Amino acid sequence: MSKCNLCRERGKTWSGSNPVCAWESDEFSNNWNCATLNAIRDLEGHEDADYRFCDDQKYMTIKIDGVDLRDGSPLALWVTWYKQRGRTDEMFLLWGGRPPSQPSEDDLVRILGFLGRHP
């Protein structure tokens, strides 16, 4: 597996642990400071994002109906993470009438563009 384009472009810009891109392994939640996931988490103040937290767990539902992805047009993207740490726990595309699915790197780049946050 390989790193996402944003991780390759950004590289490591801090001292401390190396980043672990979400696309470096088969296990999505095995990530830390992935540039693409960080760009999605940075949407927490966006007008289409409903950001919440419960104790130290944070979650956000981002309205994205109208964006065209590889498998159609989902209703929303749901994201959860713990505190302000660099690991994103889970991320799912929410569809009308079918089960949630995990987004691809291309899906997330399209979502960022759709919301005016070109990576």
PDB file of N, CA and C in Angstrom:
ATOM      1  N   MET A   1       0.856  -1.168   0.000  1.00  0.00           N
ATOM      2  CA  MET A   1       0.000   0.000   0.000  1.00  0.00           C
ATOM      3  C   MET A   1       0.909   1.241   0.000  1.00  0.00           C
ATOM      4  N   SER A   2       0.341   2.357  -0.395  1.00  0.00           N
ATOM      5  CA  SER A   2       1.149   3.561  -0.472  1.00  0.00           C
ATOM      6  C   SER A   2       0.477   4.720   0.262  1.00  0.00           C
ATOM      7  N   LYS A   3       1.214   5.788   0.408  1.00  0.00           N
ATOM      8  CA  LYS A   3       0.699   6.977   1.068  1.00  0.00           C
ATOM      9  C   LYS A   3      -0.210   7.755   0.127  1.00  0.00           C
ATOM     10  N   CYS A   4      -1.125   8.530   0.712  1.00  0.00           N
ATOM     11  CA  CYS A   4      -1.979   9.396  -0.093  1.00  0.00           C
ATOM     12  C   CYS A   4      -1.148  10.555  -0.654  1.00  0.00           C
ATOM     13  N   ASN A   5      -1.669  11.204  -1.673  1.00  0.00           N
ATOM     14  CA  ASN A   5      -0.955  12.314  -2.307  1.00  0.00           C
ATOM     15  C   ASN A   5      -0.640  13.428  -1.320  1.00  0.00           C
ATOM     16  N   LEU A   6      -1.592  13.768  -0.447  1.00  0.00           N
ATOM     17  CA  LEU A   6      -1.348  14.859   0.498  1.00  0.00           C
ATOM     18  C   LEU A   6      -0.256  14.524   1.496  1.00  0.00           C
ATOM     19  N   CYS A   7      -0.169  13.264   1.935  1.00  0.00           N
ATOM     20  CA  CYS A   7       0.922  12.854   2.837  1.00  0.00           C
ATOM     21  C   CYS A   7       2.264  12.940   2.121  1.00  0.00           C
ATOM     22  N   ARG A   8       2.299  12.506   0.864  1.00  0.00           N
ATOM     23  CA  ARG A   8       3.558  12.573   0.100  1.00  0.00           C
ATOM     24  C   ARG A   8       3.983  14.022  -0.101  1.00  0.00           C
ATOM     25  N   GLU A   9       3.031  14.902  -0.416  1.00  0.00           N
ATOM     26  CA  GLU A   9       3.356  16.318  -0.640  1.00  0.00           C
ATOM     27  C   GLU A   9       3.801  17.010   0.647  1.00  0.00           C
ATOM     28  N   ARG A  10       3.125  16.730   1.744  1.00  0.00           N
ATOM     29  CA  ARG A  10       3.431  17.394   3.010  1.00  0.00           C
ATOM     30  C   ARG A  10       4.693  16.860   3.644  1.00  0.00           C
ATOM     31  N   GLY A  11       4.873  15.537   3.613  1.00  0.00           N
ATOM     32  CA  GLY A  11       6.006  14.926   4.308  1.00  0.00           C
ATOM     33  C   GLY A  11       5.837  15.074   5.811  1.00  0.00           C
ATOM     34  N   LYS A  12       6.941  15.127   6.523  1.00  0.00           N
ATOM     35  CA  LYS A  12       6.923  15.303   7.975  1.00  0.00           C
ATOM     36  C   LYS A  12       7.419  16.716   8.279  1.00  0.00           C
ATOM     37  N   THR A  13       6.587  17.501   8.910  1.00  0.00           N
ATOM     38  CA  THR A  13       6.900  18.913   9.161  1.00  0.00           C
ATOM     39  C   THR A  13       7.011  19.220  10.655  1.00  0.00           C
ATOM     40  N   TRP A  14       7.256  18.209  11.469  1.00  0.00           N
ATOM     41  CA  TRP A  14       7.321  18.379  12.914  1.00  0.00           C
ATOM     42  C   TRP A  14       8.350  17.413  13.489  1.00  0.00           C
ATOM     43  N   SER A  15       8.743  17.638  14.726  1.00  0.00           N
ATOM     44  CA  SER A  15       9.604  16.674  15.409  1.00  0.00           C
ATOM     45  C   SER A  15       8.696  15.712  16.168  1.00  0.00           C
ATOM     46  N   GLY A  16       9.146  14.523  16.377  1.00  0.00           N
ATOM     47  CA  GLY A  16       8.327  13.526  17.057  1.00  0.00           C
ATOM     48  C   GLY A  16       8.004  12.366  16.133  1.00  0.00           C
ATOM     49  N   SER A  17       6.945  11.653  16.448  1.00  0.00           N
ATOM     50  CA  SER A  17       6.577  10.447  15.708  1.00  0.00           C
ATOM     51  C   SER A  17       6.313  10.723  14.234  1.00  0.00           C
ATOM     52  N   ASN A  18       6.665   9.761  13.412  1.00  0.00           N
ATOM     53  CA  ASN A  18       6.414   9.860  11.978  1.00  0.00           C
ATOM     54  C   ASN A  18       4.926   9.704  11.686  1.00  0.00           C
ATOM     55  N   PRO A  19       4.426  10.349  10.629  1.00  0.00           N
ATOM     56  CA  PRO A  19       3.024  10.165  10.251  1.00  0.00           C
ATOM     57  C   PRO A  19       2.786   8.747   9.743  1.00  0.00           C
ATOM     58  N   VAL A  20       1.573   8.276   9.884  1.00  0.00           N
ATOM     59  CA  VAL A  20       1.151   6.993   9.324  1.00  0.00           C
ATOM     60  C   VAL A  20      -0.100   7.287   8.498  1.00  0.00           C
ATOM     61  N   CYS A  21       0.033   7.224   7.184  1.00  0.00           N
ATOM     62  CA  CYS A  21      -1.072   7.504   6.283  1.00  0.00           C
ATOM     63  C   CYS A  21      -2.146   6.422   6.408  1.00  0.00           C
ATOM     64  N   ALA A  22      -3.406   6.816   6.295  1.00  0.00           N
ATOM     65  CA  ALA A  22      -4.527   5.868   6.389  1.00  0.00           C
ATOM     66  C   ALA A  22      -4.486   4.818   5.280  1.00  0.00           C
ATOM     67  N   TRP A  23      -3.788   5.101   4.192  1.00  0.00           N
ATOM     68  CA  TRP A  23      -3.734   4.173   3.063  1.00  0.00           C
ATOM     69  C   TRP A  23      -2.434   3.375   3.015  1.00  0.00           C
ATOM     70  N   GLU A  24      -1.667   3.393   4.088  1.00  0.00           N
ATOM     71  CA  GLU A  24      -0.423   2.615   4.139  1.00  0.00           C
ATOM     72  C   GLU A  24      -0.643   1.161   4.531  1.00  0.00           C
ATOM     73  N   SER A  25      -1.819   0.852   5.073  1.00  0.00           N
ATOM     74  CA  SER A  25      -2.090  -0.531   5.478  1.00  0.00           C
ATOM     75  C   SER A  25      -3.535  -0.875   5.146  1.00  0.00           C
ATOM     76  N   ASP A  26      -3.888  -2.126   5.374  1.00  0.00           N
ATOM     77  CA  ASP A  26      -5.263  -2.563   5.132  1.00  0.00           C
ATOM     78  C   ASP A  26      -6.206  -2.118   6.242  1.00  0.00           C
ATOM     79  N   GLU A  27      -5.675  -1.648   7.339  1.00  0.00           N
ATOM     80  CA  GLU A  27      -6.471  -1.250   8.500  1.00  0.00           C
ATOM     81  C   GLU A  27      -6.581   0.274   8.530  1.00  0.00           C
ATOM     82  N   PHE A  28      -7.732   0.815   8.125  1.00  0.00           N
ATOM     83  CA  PHE A  28      -7.933   2.256   8.032  1.00  0.00           C
ATOM     84  C   PHE A  28      -7.599   2.981   9.333  1.00  0.00           C
ATOM     85  N   SER A  29      -8.038   2.430  10.458  1.00  0.00           N
ATOM     86  CA  SER A  29      -7.846   3.125  11.740  1.00  0.00           C
ATOM     87  C   SER A  29      -6.392   3.122  12.212  1.00  0.00           C
ATOM     88  N   ASN A  30      -5.506   2.435  11.481  1.00  0.00           N
ATOM     89  CA  ASN A  30      -4.077   2.465  11.789  1.00  0.00           C
ATOM     90  C   ASN A  30      -3.482   3.683  11.068  1.00  0.00           C
ATOM     91  N   ASN A  31      -3.797   4.872  11.561  1.00  0.00           N
ATOM     92  CA  ASN A  31      -3.312   6.110  10.953  1.00  0.00           C
ATOM     93  C   ASN A  31      -2.886   7.067  12.055  1.00  0.00           C
ATOM     94  N   TRP A  32      -2.021   7.965  11.710  1.00  0.00           N
ATOM     95  CA  TRP A  32      -1.639   9.028  12.644  1.00  0.00           C
ATOM     96  C   TRP A  32      -1.147  10.210  11.834  1.00  0.00           C
ATOM     97  N   ASN A  33      -1.865  11.304  11.951  1.00  0.00           N
ATOM     98  CA  ASN A  33      -1.499  12.553  11.295  1.00  0.00           C
ATOM     99  C   ASN A  33      -1.489  12.429   9.773  1.00  0.00           C
ATOM    100  N   CYS A  34      -2.406  11.629   9.225  1.00  0.00           N
ATOM    101  CA  CYS A  34      -2.573  11.510   7.776  1.00  0.00           C
ATOM    102  C   CYS A  34      -3.064  12.861   7.247  1.00  0.00           C
ATOM    103  N   ALA A  35      -2.407  13.397   6.241  1.00  0.00           N
ATOM    104  CA  ALA A  35      -2.721  14.738   5.737  1.00  0.00           C
ATOM    105  C   ALA A  35      -4.141  14.826   5.169  1.00  0.00           C
ATOM    106  N   THR A  36      -4.601  13.790   4.466  1.00  0.00           N
ATOM    107  CA  THR A  36      -5.958  13.821   3.916  1.00  0.00           C
ATOM    108  C   THR A  36      -6.995  13.777   5.035  1.00  0.00           C
ATOM    109  N   LEU A  37      -6.793  12.909   6.016  1.00  0.00           N
ATOM    110  CA  LEU A  37      -7.746  12.835   7.132  1.00  0.00           C
ATOM    111  C   LEU A  37      -7.721  14.120   7.953  1.00  0.00           C
ATOM    112  N   ASN A  38      -6.552  14.709   8.126  1.00  0.00           N
ATOM    113  CA  ASN A  38      -6.472  15.987   8.846  1.00  0.00           C
ATOM    114  C   ASN A  38      -7.251  17.071   8.111  1.00  0.00           C
ATOM    115  N   ALA A  39      -7.183  17.083   6.779  1.00  0.00           N
ATOM    116  CA  ALA A  39      -7.926  18.080   5.995  1.00  0.00           C
ATOM    117  C   ALA A  39      -9.432  17.905   6.197  1.00  0.00           C
ATOM    118  N   ILE A  40      -9.890  16.662   6.287  1.00  0.00           N
ATOM    119  CA  ILE A  40     -11.311  16.413   6.560  1.00  0.00           C
ATOM    120  C   ILE A  40     -11.664  16.873   7.974  1.00  0.00           C
ATOM    121  N   ARG A  41     -10.847  16.527   8.950  1.00  0.00           N
ATOM    122  CA  ARG A  41     -11.118  16.954  10.336  1.00  0.00           C
ATOM    123  C   ARG A  41     -11.119  18.475  10.464  1.00  0.00           C
ATOM    124  N   ASP A  42     -10.326  19.155   9.651  1.00  0.00           N
ATOM    125  CA  ASP A  42     -10.286  20.611   9.680  1.00  0.00           C
ATOM    126  C   ASP A  42     -11.582  21.247   9.191  1.00  0.00           C
ATOM    127  N   LEU A  43     -12.505  20.448   8.682  1.00  0.00           N
ATOM    128  CA  LEU A  43     -13.807  20.957   8.261  1.00  0.00           C
ATOM    129  C   LEU A  43     -14.739  21.212   9.449  1.00  0.00           C
ATOM    130  N   GLU A  44     -14.259  21.003  10.653  1.00  0.00           N
ATOM    131  CA  GLU A  44     -15.139  21.099  11.824  1.00  0.00           C
ATOM    132  C   GLU A  44     -15.855  22.444  11.939  1.00  0.00           C
ATOM    133  N   GLY A  45     -15.344  23.514  11.372  1.00  0.00           N
ATOM    134  CA  GLY A  45     -16.029  24.801  11.422  1.00  0.00           C
ATOM    135  C   GLY A  45     -16.819  25.130  10.160  1.00  0.00           C
ATOM    136  N   HIS A  46     -16.831  24.214   9.201  1.00  0.00           N
ATOM    137  CA  HIS A  46     -17.515  24.448   7.925  1.00  0.00           C
ATOM    138  C   HIS A  46     -19.031  24.503   8.141  1.00  0.00           C
ATOM    139  N   GLU A  47     -19.707  25.308   7.363  1.00  0.00           N
ATOM    140  CA  GLU A  47     -21.160  25.476   7.498  1.00  0.00           C
ATOM    141  C   GLU A  47     -21.942  24.191   7.264  1.00  0.00           C
ATOM    142  N   ASP A  48     -21.392  23.249   6.503  1.00  0.00           N
ATOM    143  CA  ASP A  48     -22.072  21.980   6.245  1.00  0.00           C
ATOM    144  C   ASP A  48     -21.666  20.871   7.218  1.00  0.00           C
ATOM    145  N   ALA A  49     -20.874  21.207   8.227  1.00  0.00           N
ATOM    146  CA  ALA A  49     -20.403  20.208   9.195  1.00  0.00           C
ATOM    147  C   ALA A  49     -21.105  20.395  10.539  1.00  0.00           C
ATOM    148  N   ASP A  50     -21.649  19.303  11.039  1.00  0.00           N
ATOM    149  CA  ASP A  50     -22.254  19.282  12.373  1.00  0.00           C
ATOM    150  C   ASP A  50     -21.247  18.600  13.297  1.00  0.00           C
ATOM    151  N   TYR A  51     -20.531  19.399  14.077  1.00  0.00           N
ATOM    152  CA  TYR A  51     -19.455  18.920  14.948  1.00  0.00           C
ATOM    153  C   TYR A  51     -19.988  18.749  16.362  1.00  0.00           C
ATOM    154  N   ARG A  52     -19.679  17.646  16.990  1.00  0.00           N
ATOM    155  CA  ARG A  52     -20.111  17.353  18.367  1.00  0.00           C
ATOM    156  C   ARG A  52     -18.988  16.646  19.123  1.00  0.00           C
ATOM    157  N   PHE A  53     -19.127  16.618  20.440  1.00  0.00           N
ATOM    158  CA  PHE A  53     -18.209  15.814  21.236  1.00  0.00           C
ATOM    159  C   PHE A  53     -18.943  15.283  22.449  1.00  0.00           C
ATOM    160  N   CYS A  54     -18.465  14.143  22.930  1.00  0.00           N
ATOM    161  CA  CYS A  54     -19.019  13.486  24.101  1.00  0.00           C
ATOM    162  C   CYS A  54     -17.821  13.044  24.923  1.00  0.00           C
ATOM    163  N   ASP A  55     -17.657  13.638  26.105  1.00  0.00           N
ATOM    164  CA  ASP A  55     -16.445  13.461  26.882  1.00  0.00           C
ATOM    165  C   ASP A  55     -15.271  13.896  25.998  1.00  0.00           C
ATOM    166  N   ASP A  56     -14.351  13.018  25.701  1.00  0.00           N
ATOM    167  CA  ASP A  56     -13.206  13.395  24.868  1.00  0.00           C
ATOM    168  C   ASP A  56     -13.306  12.872  23.438  1.00  0.00           C
ATOM    169  N   GLN A  57     -14.381  12.134  23.127  1.00  0.00           N
ATOM    170  CA  GLN A  57     -14.575  11.612  21.771  1.00  0.00           C
ATOM    171  C   GLN A  57     -15.294  12.669  20.933  1.00  0.00           C
ATOM    172  N   LYS A  58     -14.761  12.950  19.757  1.00  0.00           N
ATOM    173  CA  LYS A  58     -15.338  13.950  18.869  1.00  0.00           C
ATOM    174  C   LYS A  58     -15.902  13.258  17.645  1.00  0.00           C
ATOM    175  N   TYR A  59     -16.960  13.828  17.104  1.00  0.00           N
ATOM    176  CA  TYR A  59     -17.513  13.297  15.875  1.00  0.00           C
ATOM    177  C   TYR A  59     -18.148  14.406  15.070  1.00  0.00           C
ATOM    178  N   MET A  60     -18.246  14.175  13.777  1.00  0.00           N
ATOM    179  CA  MET A  60     -18.745  15.195  12.879  1.00  0.00           C
ATOM    180  C   MET A  60     -19.485  14.512  11.733  1.00  0.00           C
ATOM    181  N   THR A  61     -20.621  15.074  11.376  1.00  0.00           N
ATOM    182  CA  THR A  61     -21.370  14.647  10.211  1.00  0.00           C
ATOM    183  C   THR A  61     -21.328  15.803   9.219  1.00  0.00           C
ATOM    184  N   ILE A  62     -20.833  15.547   8.032  1.00  0.00           N
ATOM    185  CA  ILE A  62     -20.668  16.587   7.017  1.00  0.00           C
ATOM    186  C   ILE A  62     -21.660  16.324   5.886  1.00  0.00           C
ATOM    187  N   LYS A  63     -22.524  17.272   5.648  1.00  0.00           N
ATOM    188  CA  LYS A  63     -23.515  17.167   4.578  1.00  0.00           C
ATOM    189  C   LYS A  63     -22.801  17.293   3.235  1.00  0.00           C
ATOM    190  N   ILE A  64     -22.932  16.253   2.393  1.00  0.00           N
ATOM    191  CA  ILE A  64     -22.245  16.268   1.100  1.00  0.00           C
ATOM    192  C   ILE A  64     -23.162  15.821  -0.029  1.00  0.00           C
ATOM    193  N   ASP A  65     -24.482  15.859   0.168  1.00  0.00           N
ATOM    194  CA  ASP A  65     -25.360  15.444  -0.924  1.00  0.00           C
ATOM    195  C   ASP A  65     -25.160  16.392  -2.103  1.00  0.00           C
ATOM    196  N   GLY A  66     -24.954  15.816  -3.259  1.00  0.00           N
ATOM    197  CA  GLY A  66     -24.663  16.592  -4.457  1.00  0.00           C
ATOM    198  C   GLY A  66     -23.263  16.352  -4.992  1.00  0.00           C
ATOM    199  N   VAL A  67     -22.361  15.837  -4.167  1.00  0.00           N
ATOM    200  CA  VAL A  67     -21.014  15.527  -4.658  1.00  0.00           C
ATOM    201  C   VAL A  67     -21.068  14.175  -5.387  1.00  0.00           C
ATOM    202  N   ASP A  68     -20.427  14.095  -6.538  1.00  0.00           N
ATOM    203  CA  ASP A  68     -20.390  12.846  -7.299  1.00  0.00           C
ATOM    204  C   ASP A  68     -19.122  12.078  -6.967  1.00  0.00           C
ATOM    205  N   LEU A  69     -19.305  10.881  -6.406  1.00  0.00           N
ATOM    206  CA  LEU A  69     -18.183  10.007  -6.061  1.00  0.00           C
ATOM    207  C   LEU A  69     -18.215   8.762  -6.929  1.00  0.00           C
ATOM    208  N   ARG A  70     -17.258   7.893  -6.764  1.00  0.00           N
ATOM    209  CA  ARG A  70     -17.139   6.677  -7.579  1.00  0.00           C
ATOM    210  C   ARG A  70     -18.382   5.801  -7.519  1.00  0.00           C
ATOM    211  N   ASP A  71     -19.068   5.774  -6.378  1.00  0.00           N
ATOM    212  CA  ASP A  71     -20.232   4.899  -6.196  1.00  0.00           C
ATOM    213  C   ASP A  71     -21.547   5.664  -6.137  1.00  0.00           C
ATOM    214  N   GLY A  72     -21.554   6.919  -6.548  1.00  0.00           N
ATOM    215  CA  GLY A  72     -22.788   7.695  -6.519  1.00  0.00           C
ATOM    216  C   GLY A  72     -22.641   8.945  -5.678  1.00  0.00           C
ATOM    217  N   SER A  73     -23.774   9.421  -5.184  1.00  0.00           N
ATOM    218  CA  SER A  73     -23.793  10.651  -4.396  1.00  0.00           C
ATOM    219  C   SER A  73     -24.295  10.360  -2.985  1.00  0.00           C
ATOM    220  N   PRO A  74     -23.406  10.307  -2.004  1.00  0.00           N
ATOM    221  CA  PRO A  74     -23.826  10.013  -0.627  1.00  0.00           C
ATOM    222  C   PRO A  74     -24.518  11.219   0.012  1.00  0.00           C
ATOM    223  N   LEU A  75     -25.175  10.974   1.120  1.00  0.00           N
ATOM    224  CA  LEU A  75     -25.843  12.040   1.869  1.00  0.00           C
ATOM    225  C   LEU A  75     -24.869  12.793   2.760  1.00  0.00           C
ATOM    226  N   ALA A  76     -23.938  12.039   3.385  1.00  0.00           N
ATOM    227  CA  ALA A  76     -23.057  12.658   4.379  1.00  0.00           C
ATOM    228  C   ALA A  76     -21.786  11.837   4.559  1.00  0.00           C
ATOM    229  N   LEU A  77     -20.806  12.475   5.165  1.00  0.00           N
ATOM    230  CA  LEU A  77     -19.577  11.814   5.606  1.00  0.00           C
ATOM    231  C   LEU A  77     -19.554  11.924   7.120  1.00  0.00           C
ATOM    232  N   TRP A  78     -19.363  10.793   7.798  1.00  0.00           N
ATOM    233  CA  TRP A  78     -19.318  10.768   9.260  1.00  0.00           C
ATOM    234  C   TRP A  78     -17.895  10.432   9.694  1.00  0.00           C
ATOM    235  N   VAL A  79     -17.375  11.198  10.664  1.00  0.00           N
ATOM    236  CA  VAL A  79     -15.979  11.068  11.110  1.00  0.00           C
ATOM    237  C   VAL A  79     -15.943  11.083  12.638  1.00  0.00           C
ATOM    238  N   THR A  80     -15.072  10.277  13.240  1.00  0.00           N
ATOM    239  CA  THR A  80     -14.888  10.343  14.695  1.00  0.00           C
ATOM    240  C   THR A  80     -13.406  10.235  15.037  1.00  0.00           C
ATOM    241  N   TRP A  81     -13.003  10.953  16.112  1.00  0.00           N
ATOM    242  CA  TRP A  81     -11.626  10.933  16.598  1.00  0.00           C
ATOM    243  C   TRP A  81     -11.613  11.288  18.076  1.00  0.00           C
ATOM    244  N   TYR A  82     -10.509  10.959  18.735  1.00  0.00           N
ATOM    245  CA  TYR A  82     -10.350  11.158  20.166  1.00  0.00           C
ATOM    246  C   TYR A  82      -9.517  12.399  20.437  1.00  0.00           C
ATOM    247  N   LYS A  83     -10.056  13.297  21.242  1.00  0.00           N
ATOM    248  CA  LYS A  83      -9.385  14.550  21.617  1.00  0.00           C
ATOM    249  C   LYS A  83      -8.867  15.270  20.377  1.00  0.00           C
ATOM    250  N   GLN A  84      -7.750  15.923  20.484  1.00  0.00           N
ATOM    251  CA  GLN A  84      -7.128  16.603  19.352  1.00  0.00           C
ATOM    252  C   GLN A  84      -5.922  15.824  18.866  1.00  0.00           C
ATOM    253  N   ARG A  85      -5.904  14.550  19.149  1.00  0.00           N
ATOM    254  CA  ARG A  85      -4.780  13.721  18.726  1.00  0.00           C
ATOM    255  C   ARG A  85      -4.849  13.449  17.242  1.00  0.00           C
ATOM    256  N   GLY A  86      -3.803  12.914  16.681  1.00  0.00           N
ATOM    257  CA  GLY A  86      -3.690  12.779  15.240  1.00  0.00           C
ATOM    258  C   GLY A  86      -4.350  11.569  14.613  1.00  0.00           C
ATOM    259  N   ARG A  87      -4.907  10.669  15.401  1.00  0.00           N
ATOM    260  CA  ARG A  87      -5.507   9.454  14.832  1.00  0.00           C
ATOM    261  C   ARG A  87      -6.999   9.677  14.597  1.00  0.00           C
ATOM    262  N   THR A  88      -7.457   9.318  13.414  1.00  0.00           N
ATOM    263  CA  THR A  88      -8.884   9.335  13.095  1.00  0.00           C
ATOM    264  C   THR A  88      -9.389   7.917  13.270  1.00  0.00           C
ATOM    265  N   ASP A  89     -10.368   7.740  14.167  1.00  0.00           N
ATOM    266  CA  ASP A  89     -10.841   6.396  14.500  1.00  0.00           C
ATOM    267  C   ASP A  89     -11.632   5.742  13.371  1.00  0.00           C
ATOM    268  N   GLU A  90     -12.637   6.442  12.884  1.00  0.00           N
ATOM    269  CA  GLU A  90     -13.512   5.887  11.845  1.00  0.00           C
ATOM    270  C   GLU A  90     -13.991   6.996  10.926  1.00  0.00           C
ATOM    271  N   MET A  91     -14.364   6.601   9.708  1.00  0.00           N
ATOM    272  CA  MET A  91     -14.883   7.539   8.729  1.00  0.00           C
ATOM    273  C   MET A  91     -15.757   6.736   7.768  1.00  0.00           C
ATOM    274  N   PHE A  92     -17.008   7.177   7.590  1.00  0.00           N
ATOM    275  CA  PHE A  92     -17.931   6.451   6.723  1.00  0.00           C
ATOM    276  C   PHE A  92     -18.726   7.399   5.848  1.00  0.00           C
ATOM    277  N   LEU A  93     -18.974   6.970   4.615  1.00  0.00           N
ATOM    278  CA  LEU A  93     -19.928   7.631   3.747  1.00  0.00           C
ATOM    279  C   LEU A  93     -21.304   7.086   4.112  1.00  0.00           C
ATOM    280  N   LEU A  94     -22.275   7.964   4.280  1.00  0.00           N
ATOM    281  CA  LEU A  94     -23.640   7.560   4.610  1.00  0.00           C
ATOM    282  C   LEU A  94     -24.511   7.741   3.374  1.00  0.00           C
ATOM    283  N   TRP A  95     -25.190   6.671   3.001  1.00  0.00           N
ATOM    284  CA  TRP A  95     -25.990   6.627   1.778  1.00  0.00           C
ATOM    285  C   TRP A  95     -27.465   6.491   2.117  1.00  0.00           C
ATOM    286  N   GLY A  96     -28.324   6.895   1.238  1.00  0.00           N
ATOM    287  CA  GLY A  96     -29.752   6.644   1.399  1.00  0.00           C
ATOM    288  C   GLY A  96     -30.078   5.253   0.881  1.00  0.00           C
ATOM    289  N   GLY A  97     -30.575   4.379   1.739  1.00  0.00           N
ATOM    290  CA  GLY A  97     -31.028   3.063   1.311  1.00  0.00           C
ATOM    291  C   GLY A  97     -29.967   1.995   1.139  1.00  0.00           C
ATOM    292  N   ARG A  98     -28.752   2.249   1.595  1.00  0.00           N
ATOM    293  CA  ARG A  98     -27.727   1.199   1.555  1.00  0.00           C
ATOM    294  C   ARG A  98     -26.742   1.396   2.701  1.00  0.00           C
ATOM    295  N   PRO A  99     -25.971   0.359   3.025  1.00  0.00           N
ATOM    296  CA  PRO A  99     -25.078   0.431   4.183  1.00  0.00           C
ATOM    297  C   PRO A  99     -23.971   1.482   4.012  1.00  0.00           C
ATOM    298  N   PRO A 100     -23.460   2.001   5.122  1.00  0.00           N
ATOM    299  CA  PRO A 100     -22.325   2.927   5.058  1.00  0.00           C
ATOM    300  C   PRO A 100     -21.109   2.244   4.435  1.00  0.00           C
ATOM    301  N   SER A 101     -20.213   3.042   3.877  1.00  0.00           N
ATOM    302  CA  SER A 101     -18.988   2.497   3.299  1.00  0.00           C
ATOM    303  C   SER A 101     -17.827   3.427   3.629  1.00  0.00           C
ATOM    304  N   GLN A 102     -16.638   2.862   3.599  1.00  0.00           N
ATOM    305  CA  GLN A 102     -15.443   3.650   3.882  1.00  0.00           C
ATOM    306  C   GLN A 102     -15.025   4.401   2.615  1.00  0.00           C
ATOM    307  N   PRO A 103     -14.714   5.685   2.736  1.00  0.00           N
ATOM    308  CA  PRO A 103     -14.333   6.454   1.555  1.00  0.00           C
ATOM    309  C   PRO A 103     -12.926   6.121   1.085  1.00  0.00           C
ATOM    310  N   SER A 104     -12.712   6.306  -0.190  1.00  0.00           N
ATOM    311  CA  SER A 104     -11.365   6.173  -0.756  1.00  0.00           C
ATOM    312  C   SER A 104     -10.668   7.528  -0.661  1.00  0.00           C
ATOM    313  N   GLU A 105      -9.380   7.536  -0.948  1.00  0.00           N
ATOM    314  CA  GLU A 105      -8.642   8.798  -0.988  1.00  0.00           C
ATOM    315  C   GLU A 105      -9.272   9.736  -2.014  1.00  0.00           C
ATOM    316  N   ASP A 106      -9.604   9.203  -3.194  1.00  0.00           N
ATOM    317  CA  ASP A 106     -10.221  10.013  -4.238  1.00  0.00           C
ATOM    318  C   ASP A 106     -11.558  10.604  -3.764  1.00  0.00           C
ATOM    319  N   ASP A 107     -12.361   9.801  -3.052  1.00  0.00           N
ATOM    320  CA  ASP A 107     -13.630  10.305  -2.507  1.00  0.00           C
ATOM    321  C   ASP A 107     -13.390  11.518  -1.618  1.00  0.00           C
ATOM    322  N   LEU A 108     -12.411  11.420  -0.726  1.00  0.00           N
ATOM    323  CA  LEU A 108     -12.152  12.507   0.225  1.00  0.00           C
ATOM    324  C   LEU A 108     -11.630  13.754  -0.485  1.00  0.00           C
ATOM    325  N   VAL A 109     -10.799  13.573  -1.498  1.00  0.00           N
ATOM    326  CA  VAL A 109     -10.300  14.723  -2.265  1.00  0.00           C
ATOM    327  C   VAL A 109     -11.466  15.402  -2.987  1.00  0.00           C
ATOM    328  N   ARG A 110     -12.380  14.606  -3.544  1.00  0.00           N
ATOM    329  CA  ARG A 110     -13.563  15.174  -4.207  1.00  0.00           C
ATOM    330  C   ARG A 110     -14.449  15.919  -3.209  1.00  0.00           C
ATOM    331  N   ILE A 111     -14.609  15.358  -2.026  1.00  0.00           N
ATOM    332  CA  ILE A 111     -15.420  16.010  -0.986  1.00  0.00           C
ATOM    333  C   ILE A 111     -14.787  17.340  -0.581  1.00  0.00           C
ATOM    334  N   LEU A 112     -13.486  17.348  -0.377  1.00  0.00           N
ATOM    335  CA  LEU A 112     -12.797  18.593  -0.029  1.00  0.00           C
ATOM    336  C   LEU A 112     -13.003  19.650  -1.117  1.00  0.00           C
ATOM    337  N   GLY A 113     -12.886  19.259  -2.383  1.00  0.00           N
ATOM    338  CA  GLY A 113     -13.116  20.185  -3.480  1.00  0.00           C
ATOM    339  C   GLY A 113     -14.543  20.677  -3.531  1.00  0.00           C
ATOM    340  N   PHE A 114     -15.494  19.771  -3.325  1.00  0.00           N
ATOM    341  CA  PHE A 114     -16.926  20.109  -3.320  1.00  0.00           C
ATOM    342  C   PHE A 114     -17.234  21.149  -2.243  1.00  0.00           C
ATOM    343  N   LEU A 115     -16.556  21.051  -1.112  1.00  0.00           N
ATOM    344  CA  LEU A 115     -16.792  21.974   0.005  1.00  0.00           C
ATOM    345  C   LEU A 115     -15.882  23.202  -0.055  1.00  0.00           C
ATOM    346  N   GLY A 116     -15.173  23.365  -1.156  1.00  0.00           N
ATOM    347  CA  GLY A 116     -14.348  24.546  -1.342  1.00  0.00           C
ATOM    348  C   GLY A 116     -13.030  24.525  -0.608  1.00  0.00           C
ATOM    349  N   ARG A 117     -12.574  23.337  -0.238  1.00  0.00           N
ATOM    350  CA  ARG A 117     -11.288  23.179   0.456  1.00  0.00           C
ATOM    351  C   ARG A 117     -10.347  22.367  -0.403  1.00  0.00           C
ATOM    352  N   HIS A 118      -9.908  22.924  -1.491  1.00  0.00           N
ATOM    353  CA  HIS A 118      -9.023  22.187  -2.395  1.00  0.00           C
ATOM    354  C   HIS A 118      -7.718  21.851  -1.704  1.00  0.00           C
ATOM    355  N   PRO A 119      -7.389  20.575  -1.689  1.00  0.00           N
ATOM    356  CA  PRO A 119      -6.142  20.154  -1.031  1.00  0.00           C
ATOM    357  C   PRO A 119      -4.909  20.568  -1.797  1.00  0.00           C
TER     358      PRO A 119
END
